[in-house]
């Protein structure tokens, strides 16, 4: 069940990717957002300390964006599930692309959720 008030409850994060959707956590609350709630997924490479990391920004119901780093223990499972459930471009197709350092790459956009640029 989705919490209705997220104020002061902690950082929003993805804690798991399951067949039915992504499991989110906000402080002590946890809920599952179905795959149909995902509007878009954009990936890019950013500097984090002295090491570049790949991040995925997942837009959910035009309400929130959750960022996940490639160092997150759920990264691979989430990328695989995004590909299987939504048809996102597979991680193997873009992960080593040097272009994602200069410009983020949209790997999924739900039809009708936003106007395409």
Protein backbone atom coordinates (compact mmCIF):
# COMPACT_ATOMS: atom_id res chain seq x y z
CA UNK A 1 0.00 0.00 0.00
CA UNK A 2 1.38 3.38 -1.00
CA UNK A 3 1.88 5.84 1.87
CA UNK A 4 0.05 9.11 1.42
CA UNK A 5 2.42 11.43 3.32
CA UNK A 6 6.15 11.28 2.65
CA UNK A 7 7.14 14.35 4.63
CA UNK A 8 10.06 13.83 7.02
CA UNK A 9 9.99 10.08 6.66
CA UNK A 10 13.45 9.56 5.16
CA UNK A 11 14.92 9.16 1.71
CA UNK A 12 12.87 7.40 -0.94
CA UNK A 13 14.71 4.41 -2.35
CA UNK A 14 14.17 1.25 -4.34
CA UNK A 15 14.81 -1.75 -2.14
CA UNK A 16 13.86 -4.52 -4.55
CA UNK A 17 12.68 -5.31 -8.05
CA UNK A 18 10.10 -8.07 -8.27
CA UNK A 19 7.96 -9.63 -10.96
CA UNK A 20 5.00 -7.45 -9.95
CA UNK A 21 6.91 -4.15 -9.68
CA UNK A 22 9.49 -2.21 -7.69
CA UNK A 23 9.44 -2.18 -3.92
CA UNK A 24 10.06 1.28 -2.50
CA UNK A 25 10.95 2.40 0.98
CA UNK A 26 10.52 5.77 2.62
CA UNK A 27 11.75 5.59 6.19
CA UNK A 28 9.92 2.70 7.84
CA UNK A 29 7.23 2.43 5.16
CA UNK A 30 7.47 0.02 2.24
CA UNK A 31 5.18 -0.52 -0.73
CA UNK A 32 5.22 -1.93 -4.23
CA UNK A 33 4.70 0.24 -7.31
CA UNK A 34 3.53 -1.82 -10.29
CA UNK A 35 5.60 -1.69 -13.47
CA UNK A 36 2.75 0.21 -15.11
CA UNK A 37 3.44 3.14 -12.75
CA UNK A 38 6.87 3.78 -14.26
CA UNK A 39 6.83 6.75 -16.65
CA UNK A 40 10.45 6.86 -17.73
CA UNK A 41 13.93 5.56 -17.05
CA UNK A 42 17.01 7.65 -17.85
CA UNK A 43 20.60 6.51 -17.32
CA UNK A 44 23.88 8.38 -17.14
CA UNK A 45 27.39 8.33 -15.72
CA UNK A 46 28.31 10.86 -13.03
CA UNK A 47 31.34 11.49 -10.83
CA UNK A 48 30.90 10.30 -7.28
CA UNK A 49 33.97 11.08 -5.24
CA UNK A 50 36.92 9.87 -7.29
CA UNK A 51 35.01 7.19 -9.17
CA UNK A 52 32.45 7.48 -11.95
CA UNK A 53 29.19 5.65 -11.24
CA UNK A 54 26.30 4.83 -13.50
CA UNK A 55 22.90 5.93 -12.25
CA UNK A 56 19.37 5.18 -13.35
CA UNK A 57 16.65 7.72 -12.64
CA UNK A 58 13.25 6.05 -12.48
CA UNK A 59 10.19 8.30 -12.85
CA UNK A 60 7.08 6.98 -11.10
CA UNK A 61 3.54 8.23 -11.83
CA UNK A 62 4.83 11.71 -12.69
CA UNK A 63 5.09 12.22 -8.91
CA UNK A 64 8.62 11.22 -7.98
CA UNK A 65 12.00 10.21 -9.33
CA UNK A 66 14.18 7.64 -7.62
CA UNK A 67 17.90 7.44 -8.43
CA UNK A 68 19.70 4.10 -8.21
CA UNK A 69 23.48 3.69 -8.51
CA UNK A 70 25.22 0.77 -10.17
CA UNK A 71 26.82 0.02 -6.78
CA UNK A 72 23.40 -0.67 -5.25
CA UNK A 73 22.91 -4.39 -4.44
CA UNK A 74 19.57 -4.34 -6.32
CA UNK A 75 21.03 -2.75 -9.47
CA UNK A 76 21.34 -5.80 -11.70
CA UNK A 77 18.02 -7.32 -10.66
CA UNK A 78 16.29 -3.99 -11.24
CA UNK A 79 17.90 -3.54 -14.69
CA UNK A 80 16.92 -7.09 -15.68
CA UNK A 81 13.34 -6.60 -14.46
CA UNK A 82 13.03 -3.22 -16.23
CA UNK A 83 14.05 -4.95 -19.45
CA UNK A 84 11.71 -7.90 -18.94
CA UNK A 85 8.67 -6.01 -17.62
CA UNK A 86 8.85 -2.81 -19.68
CA UNK A 87 11.06 -3.62 -22.63
CA UNK A 88 13.71 -1.08 -21.59
CA UNK A 89 16.92 -1.23 -23.53
CA UNK A 90 19.01 -3.89 -21.79
CA UNK A 91 21.86 -2.75 -19.55
CA UNK A 92 24.42 -4.54 -21.76
CA UNK A 93 23.45 -2.25 -24.63
CA UNK A 94 24.32 1.03 -22.93
CA UNK A 95 26.38 0.46 -19.75
CA UNK A 96 29.80 0.81 -21.40
CA UNK A 97 28.75 3.54 -23.83
CA UNK A 98 31.03 6.54 -23.19
CA UNK A 99 28.27 8.82 -24.49
CA UNK A 100 26.24 8.45 -21.28
CA UNK A 101 28.94 10.47 -19.50
CA UNK A 102 28.22 13.51 -21.66
CA UNK A 103 24.47 13.17 -22.09
CA UNK A 104 21.95 11.05 -20.15
CA UNK A 105 20.18 8.39 -22.19
CA UNK A 106 16.45 7.74 -22.11
CA UNK A 107 16.00 3.97 -22.13
CA UNK A 108 12.26 3.89 -21.46
CA UNK A 109 9.38 6.29 -21.94
CA UNK A 110 5.83 5.11 -21.28
CA UNK A 111 3.67 5.86 -24.26
CA UNK A 112 1.50 8.90 -23.60
CA UNK A 113 3.21 9.83 -20.32
CA UNK A 114 5.13 12.85 -21.66
CA UNK A 115 5.63 14.58 -24.94
CA UNK A 116 8.78 13.31 -26.60
CA UNK A 117 11.43 15.97 -27.29
